[in-house]
Protein backbone atom coordinates (compact mmCIF):
# COMPACT_ATOMS: atom_id res chain seq x y z
CA MET A 1 200.13 24.38 23.63
CA ASN A 2 196.70 25.71 23.34
CA SER A 3 195.32 25.87 19.88
CA ARG A 4 194.28 29.42 20.31
CA ALA A 5 197.94 30.63 19.92
CA LEU A 6 198.39 28.10 16.99
CA ALA A 7 195.44 29.79 15.37
CA ASP A 8 196.47 33.49 16.30
CA LEU A 9 200.27 33.10 14.88
CA LYS A 10 198.65 31.70 11.78
CA GLU A 11 196.40 34.52 11.02
CA THR A 12 199.46 36.72 11.86
CA LEU A 13 201.37 35.24 9.55
CA THR A 14 199.30 34.58 6.69
CA ALA A 15 200.10 37.80 4.83
CA HIS A 16 203.93 37.59 5.17
CA VAL A 17 205.29 33.93 4.64
CA PRO A 18 204.36 32.42 0.72
CA LEU A 19 202.92 29.08 2.13
CA GLY A 20 199.61 27.15 1.77
CA LYS A 21 197.30 26.89 4.75
CA SER A 22 198.66 23.28 5.62
CA ARG A 23 202.28 24.51 5.53
CA LEU A 24 202.07 27.35 7.12
CA GLU A 25 199.94 26.00 10.17
CA THR A 26 203.34 23.53 10.38
CA LEU A 27 205.79 26.31 10.38
CA CYS A 28 203.76 27.97 13.23
CA LEU A 29 204.15 24.73 15.20
CA LEU A 30 207.75 24.55 14.72
CA PHE A 31 208.07 28.11 15.97
CA LEU A 32 205.93 27.32 19.27
CA GLY A 33 206.74 23.66 19.67
CA MET A 34 210.62 24.58 19.70
CA ILE A 35 209.69 27.24 22.72
CA SER A 36 207.57 25.08 24.32
CA ALA A 37 209.49 22.10 24.12
CA ARG A 38 212.80 23.66 24.53
CA THR A 39 214.17 21.76 21.66
CA VAL A 40 214.55 21.74 18.01
CA ASN A 41 214.05 18.06 17.68
CA LEU A 42 211.28 17.08 15.72
CA THR A 43 210.43 14.25 17.97
CA HIS A 44 209.90 16.55 20.98
CA ILE A 45 208.01 19.41 18.93
CA ALA A 46 205.23 16.51 17.59
CA THR A 47 204.32 15.76 21.07
CA GLU A 48 203.44 19.60 21.49
CA ARG A 49 200.57 19.82 18.66
CA PRO A 50 197.37 20.30 20.36
CA GLY A 51 194.51 18.02 19.24
CA ARG A 52 193.89 14.58 18.71
CA ALA A 53 196.36 13.82 15.87
CA LYS A 54 198.90 11.05 16.59
CA VAL A 55 202.51 12.13 17.40
CA ALA A 56 203.93 9.64 14.77
CA SER A 57 201.49 11.47 11.99
CA THR A 58 202.54 14.89 13.39
CA TYR A 59 206.56 13.90 13.20
CA ARG A 60 206.01 12.71 9.81
CA ARG A 61 204.63 15.93 8.67
CA LEU A 62 207.28 18.19 10.23
CA GLN A 63 209.69 15.77 8.31
CA ARG A 64 207.75 16.56 5.25
CA PHE A 65 207.81 20.32 5.60
CA PHE A 66 211.79 20.26 5.96
CA GLN A 67 211.77 17.90 2.81
CA HIS A 68 209.64 19.96 0.56
CA VAL A 69 209.47 23.50 1.67
CA VAL A 70 211.83 26.10 -0.45
CA LEU A 71 211.66 29.45 0.76
CA PRO A 72 213.58 32.60 -0.65
CA GLU A 73 216.97 33.20 0.76
CA ASP A 74 217.00 35.66 3.64
CA TRP A 75 212.88 35.14 3.78
CA ALA A 76 213.06 35.79 7.90
CA VAL A 77 214.69 39.11 7.75
CA GLY A 78 211.66 40.95 7.40
CA LEU A 79 209.65 39.12 10.10
CA VAL A 80 212.72 39.26 12.62
CA VAL A 81 212.92 43.08 11.83
CA ALA A 82 209.02 43.57 12.49
CA LEU A 83 208.82 41.50 15.77
CA ILE A 84 212.15 43.50 17.31
CA GLY A 85 211.61 46.93 16.08
CA ARG A 86 213.89 48.47 13.85
CA PRO A 87 216.30 51.58 15.53
CA GLN A 88 218.00 54.11 13.37
CA LYS A 89 221.31 52.51 13.80
CA TRP A 90 222.45 49.36 15.35
CA TYR A 91 225.34 47.24 16.10
CA LEU A 92 226.08 44.12 14.26
CA CYS A 93 228.04 41.13 15.38
CA LEU A 94 229.83 38.71 12.95
CA ASP A 95 230.90 35.17 14.41
CA ARG A 96 230.82 31.71 13.48
CA THR A 97 229.18 28.67 15.47
CA ASN A 98 229.95 25.27 14.91
CA TRP A 99 229.45 21.79 15.90
CA LYS A 100 229.14 18.06 14.80
CA ILE A 101 226.44 15.79 13.95
CA GLY A 102 228.03 12.35 13.70
CA LYS A 103 230.93 12.86 11.67
CA ALA A 104 229.34 15.68 9.54
CA ASP A 105 230.39 19.24 10.46
CA VAL A 106 227.84 22.03 11.08
CA ASN A 107 229.52 25.38 10.65
CA ILE A 108 227.35 28.63 10.00
CA LEU A 109 228.58 32.27 9.74
CA VAL A 110 225.95 34.41 11.46
CA LEU A 111 225.45 38.03 11.31
CA ALA A 112 223.41 39.11 14.40
CA VAL A 113 221.60 42.25 15.06
CA VAL A 114 222.56 43.83 18.29
CA THR A 115 219.95 46.41 20.02
CA GLU A 116 219.79 48.02 23.48
CA LYS A 117 217.83 44.73 24.62
CA PHE A 118 218.05 41.77 22.38
CA ARG A 119 220.32 40.13 19.78
CA VAL A 120 218.75 38.01 17.16
CA PRO A 121 220.24 36.50 14.05
CA LEU A 122 219.61 38.61 11.09
CA MET A 123 221.54 36.79 8.04
CA TRP A 124 223.75 33.82 7.96
CA SER A 125 225.86 31.35 5.61
CA LEU A 126 226.15 27.51 5.92
CA LEU A 127 229.83 27.07 5.19
CA ALA A 128 230.52 23.50 3.37
CA HIS A 129 233.69 23.06 5.15
CA CYS A 130 235.12 23.25 8.83
CA GLY A 131 237.07 26.10 10.23
CA ASN A 132 237.58 30.05 9.37
CA SER A 133 235.38 31.74 6.92
CA THR A 134 237.00 33.04 3.87
CA THR A 135 237.11 36.76 2.79
CA ALA A 136 234.78 35.93 -0.21
CA GLN A 137 232.48 34.29 2.40
CA ARG A 138 232.22 37.62 4.55
CA ILE A 139 231.94 40.00 1.68
CA ASP A 140 229.01 37.67 0.30
CA LEU A 141 227.32 37.91 3.47
CA MET A 142 227.63 41.86 3.65
CA ARG A 143 226.49 42.32 0.34
CA ARG A 144 223.29 40.67 0.87
CA TYR A 145 222.90 42.96 4.15
CA LEU A 146 223.56 46.00 1.75
CA ALA A 147 220.86 44.58 -0.54
CA ARG A 148 218.40 44.81 1.87
CA PHE A 149 219.56 47.82 4.27
CA GLU A 150 221.70 50.94 3.95
CA ALA A 151 225.11 51.10 5.24
CA SER A 152 223.83 53.93 7.05
CA THR A 153 221.74 51.48 9.14
CA VAL A 154 225.15 50.05 11.08
CA ARG A 155 226.48 51.99 13.87
CA MET A 156 229.46 49.44 14.33
CA LEU A 157 230.04 45.91 12.93
CA LEU A 158 231.90 43.68 15.66
CA ALA A 159 234.11 40.94 15.22
CA ASP A 160 237.06 38.65 16.63
CA ARG A 161 240.19 38.04 15.25
CA GLU A 162 239.08 35.55 12.73
CA PHE A 163 237.48 38.08 10.71
CA ILE A 164 240.61 40.25 9.93
CA GLY A 165 242.42 40.84 6.41
CA GLN A 166 243.44 43.84 4.03
CA GLU A 167 240.83 42.89 1.38
CA TRP A 168 237.90 42.51 4.03
CA PHE A 169 238.86 45.83 5.73
CA ALA A 170 239.21 47.68 2.41
CA PHE A 171 235.66 46.48 1.46
CA LEU A 172 234.05 47.72 4.74
CA LYS A 173 235.88 51.25 4.49
CA ASP A 174 234.74 51.13 0.78
CA HIS A 175 231.21 50.70 1.55
CA GLY A 176 230.88 53.04 4.46
CA ILE A 177 230.80 50.32 7.52
CA PRO A 178 232.32 51.21 10.56
CA PHE A 179 233.79 48.57 12.13
CA ALA A 180 235.67 47.63 15.59
CA ILE A 181 237.58 44.42 15.09
CA ARG A 182 240.32 42.70 17.31
CA LEU A 183 243.52 42.00 15.73
CA LYS A 184 246.26 39.40 16.22
CA GLU A 185 249.35 40.22 18.32
CA GLU A 186 251.66 39.41 15.41
CA GLN A 187 249.60 41.81 13.00
CA ILE A 188 252.36 43.94 11.26
CA ILE A 189 251.46 47.95 11.29
CA ARG A 190 253.42 51.24 10.24
CA VAL A 191 253.90 53.65 12.78
CA ASP A 192 256.09 56.71 12.07
CA GLY A 193 257.52 54.89 9.19
CA ARG A 194 258.90 51.68 10.80
CA GLU A 195 257.09 48.47 10.07
CA LEU A 196 256.54 46.17 13.11
CA SER A 197 254.13 43.87 15.23
CA LEU A 198 251.56 44.94 17.38
CA ARG A 199 253.22 42.89 20.20
CA SER A 200 256.38 44.90 19.41
CA TRP A 201 254.92 48.30 19.32
CA LEU A 202 252.55 47.88 22.69
CA SER A 203 255.28 45.73 24.78
CA ARG A 204 255.33 48.16 27.50
CA CYS A 205 251.47 48.57 27.51
CA LYS A 206 249.96 48.49 30.82
CA GLY A 207 246.93 50.55 30.82
CA GLU A 208 244.64 51.34 28.02
CA ARG A 209 246.22 52.93 24.84
CA GLY A 210 245.22 54.53 21.90
CA PHE A 211 246.73 55.30 18.66
CA THR A 212 246.58 55.64 15.07
CA ALA A 213 248.71 53.40 12.46
CA VAL A 214 248.56 51.98 9.19
CA LEU A 215 248.37 48.85 7.66
CA PRO A 216 251.00 48.41 5.19
CA ALA A 217 249.91 47.52 1.45
CA LYS A 218 249.25 43.57 0.77
CA ALA A 219 248.06 41.71 -2.25
CA GLY A 220 247.43 44.37 -4.40
CA HIS A 221 245.32 46.61 -1.77
CA PRO A 222 246.70 49.93 -0.72
CA ASP A 223 247.59 51.19 2.86
CA ILE A 224 244.57 51.29 5.44
CA GLU A 225 244.91 53.52 8.15
CA LEU A 226 242.88 52.47 11.32
CA HIS A 227 242.54 53.55 14.63
CA PHE A 228 243.39 51.36 17.80
CA GLY A 229 242.61 50.69 21.04
CA ALA A 230 244.93 48.26 23.09
CA ARG A 231 245.05 46.87 26.96
CA ARG A 232 246.34 44.14 28.55
CA ILE A 233 243.72 41.58 29.73
CA LYS A 234 243.49 38.53 32.56
CA GLY A 235 246.97 36.44 31.77
CA GLY A 236 248.82 39.29 30.61
CA GLU A 237 247.31 38.82 26.90
CA LEU A 238 246.94 41.53 24.55
CA LEU A 239 243.53 42.80 23.57
CA VAL A 240 243.94 45.09 20.44
CA VAL A 241 240.78 46.44 18.70
CA ALA A 242 241.13 48.55 15.12
CA SER A 243 238.62 50.84 14.11
CA SER A 244 237.63 52.86 11.04
CA LEU A 245 236.29 55.28 13.11
CA PRO A 246 238.54 57.99 14.95
CA ALA A 247 238.05 57.70 18.70
CA SER A 248 239.99 57.23 21.92
CA GLY A 249 241.21 53.92 22.80
CA GLY A 250 238.90 53.56 25.53
CA ARG A 251 235.87 54.06 23.26
CA ILE A 252 237.05 51.44 20.73
CA LEU A 253 237.27 48.91 23.70
CA ARG A 254 233.71 49.63 24.89
CA TYR A 255 232.57 49.21 21.28
CA TYR A 256 233.96 45.82 21.05
CA ARG A 257 232.96 44.45 24.56
CA LYS A 258 229.48 44.47 22.91
CA ARG A 259 230.80 41.69 20.79
CA TRP A 260 230.33 39.35 23.64
CA PHE A 261 226.40 39.46 22.93
CA ILE A 262 226.67 37.07 19.90
CA GLU A 263 228.24 34.61 22.46
CA CYS A 264 225.09 35.22 24.45
CA LEU A 265 222.78 34.48 21.58
CA PHE A 266 224.73 31.46 20.59
CA ALA A 267 224.22 30.08 24.41
CA ASP A 268 220.11 31.37 23.85
CA SER A 269 220.25 29.31 20.75
CA LYS A 270 221.81 26.11 22.25
CA THR A 271 221.66 24.96 25.78
CA LYS A 272 220.31 28.13 27.73
CA GLY A 273 217.21 28.29 25.11
CA LEU A 274 216.32 26.41 21.82
CA ASN A 275 218.88 23.54 21.97
CA ILE A 276 219.40 23.95 18.19
CA GLU A 277 222.43 21.38 18.39
CA ASP A 278 219.91 18.74 19.14
CA THR A 279 219.02 19.00 15.30
CA ARG A 280 219.46 15.83 13.00
CA LEU A 281 219.07 17.67 9.80
CA THR A 282 222.64 17.70 7.77
CA LEU A 283 221.77 19.05 4.46
CA ALA A 284 222.44 22.80 3.95
CA HIS A 285 218.89 24.06 2.74
CA LYS A 286 217.12 22.28 5.58
CA LEU A 287 219.51 23.58 8.09
CA SER A 288 219.30 27.28 6.84
CA LEU A 289 215.75 26.75 6.82
CA LEU A 290 216.03 25.48 10.65
CA VAL A 291 218.02 28.80 11.50
CA ALA A 292 215.50 30.96 9.98
CA ILE A 293 212.73 29.45 11.91
CA THR A 294 214.94 29.74 15.06
CA ALA A 295 215.83 33.47 14.54
CA ILE A 296 212.09 34.11 14.16
CA ALA A 297 211.47 32.31 17.36
CA ILE A 298 214.18 34.11 19.30
CA ALA A 299 212.49 37.46 17.98
CA LEU A 300 208.99 36.23 19.21
CA VAL A 301 210.70 35.86 22.68
CA CYS A 302 212.05 39.22 22.49
CA ARG A 303 208.70 40.67 21.69
CA ALA A 304 207.12 38.78 24.78
CA ALA A 305 209.83 40.37 26.91
CA VAL A 306 209.13 44.08 25.95
CA LYS A 307 205.43 43.08 26.52
CA ARG A 308 206.38 41.52 29.96
CA LEU A 309 208.56 44.43 31.12
CA GLY A 310 207.26 47.41 29.07
CA GLN A 311 209.77 50.69 29.97
CA LYS A 312 211.48 48.50 32.92
CA TYR A 313 214.77 46.45 33.05
CA PRO A 314 215.28 43.12 34.42
CA ALA A 315 216.07 43.35 38.23
CA ARG A 316 219.76 43.18 39.01
CA LYS A 317 221.65 41.34 41.78
CA LYS A 318 224.49 42.80 44.10
CA HIS A 319 227.25 41.60 41.73
CA GLY A 320 225.70 43.78 38.96
CA TYR A 321 224.33 41.36 36.72
CA CYS A 322 220.59 40.90 35.72
CA GLU A 323 218.69 38.74 37.79
CA ARG A 324 217.26 37.16 34.58
CA SER A 325 218.17 38.29 30.89
CA TRP A 326 215.84 39.87 28.36
CA PHE A 327 215.87 36.42 26.44
CA ARG A 328 215.20 34.61 29.83
CA THR A 329 212.45 36.86 30.66
CA GLY A 330 210.60 36.66 27.32
CA PHE A 331 211.40 32.85 26.69
CA ASP A 332 209.70 31.89 30.43
CA GLU A 333 206.98 34.12 29.83
CA LEU A 334 205.94 32.40 26.16
CA ARG A 335 206.36 29.28 27.82
CA ARG A 336 203.97 30.14 30.55
CA ARG A 337 201.34 31.39 28.15
CA LEU A 338 201.49 28.37 25.94
CA ARG A 339 200.93 25.92 28.95
CA SER A 340 198.55 27.98 30.93
CA GLY A 341 195.31 27.11 28.65
CA GLN A 342 194.15 30.94 28.92
CA ASP A 343 193.23 32.89 26.01
CA GLU A 344 196.57 34.97 25.93
CA PRO A 345 198.04 36.20 22.67
CA ILE A 346 201.34 35.24 21.66
CA VAL A 347 202.05 37.99 19.25
CA ASP A 348 200.03 41.07 18.08
CA ARG A 349 197.42 40.10 15.33
CA LYS A 350 199.23 42.71 13.31
CA ILE A 351 202.67 42.98 12.40
CA VAL A 352 204.01 45.63 10.04
CA ILE A 353 207.39 44.69 8.10
CA PRO A 354 209.18 47.24 6.23
CA LYS A 355 207.96 47.51 2.72
CA SER A 356 211.59 47.22 1.03
CA LEU A 357 212.12 43.87 3.39
CA ARG A 358 208.68 42.15 2.39
CA LEU A 359 208.34 39.01 0.35
CA ARG A 360 205.60 38.82 -2.34
CA VAL A 361 203.14 36.23 -1.70
CA VAL A 362 202.06 34.87 -4.82
């Protein structure tokens, strides 16, 4: 890594991150080091530091950063939005990623923003248990989003079968958040006055099908009318997606297809990119700080891809898929710049964070 890149990034972030000079330099080293080394492992990042400092002393400096630095919750949101740009509306994807560090479970509930080109973590919660999130945890995460953004910024919230429930759907509808969420085949619905499972209702479904039905009142929550898109997928399994917006079944299913982007994001964060599973951090506040740094690093990669391609799109091969994704394009470009030794900027000297998302630097 060249020292010019480190100095430029430090100058850019000085006005936006409430850290002293030394801590801010360490933060920049983490951003660029994990991109250059393709891992969040501190031992490897320590070897990326320019200059004559010993690797052991740099490694200890990185350790102390996670031991002593405490930043406000969701401090990275403004930087992420400033780096990727803010369209009028965007898709949000909600999902979990989990792995083990020894016997400890790492379980992260992630709310990611998906644009035409990028997928980037926006907010997250570290769950203190393994397995599915609770309704209260999902609602808390969405309240944090609504504290910073208007509900009108959400074009559609996309989620898999884990993220269902009467209280959850009622919360989203009450706050004006449109959604397209996959349901289980056993889900009970009411159609024409009859209550039956989705499997029974769609037993003869062969092509795409759209319909409107009611989720019966449950646990003190009233009936909820939803619009559905359904079809059979490979192996004969039913894919049934419920949406709060009136739309054709085919359109609802097309919305839901974008949920796959968060799986691509997890791959970018892991084996195809930054290898976040290499971390040995297990404490929740340290892991949350690492996820925030990883999110900003991914946003830096996205910005590099835009600079590299401009108005173009990655070339497509005969099978229809891109030769390289936007993430891979930006990732390779940033790694080239960091290793070239030339005075190529990593990011613009001035980035503009929306006023409502700025941190107050004391």
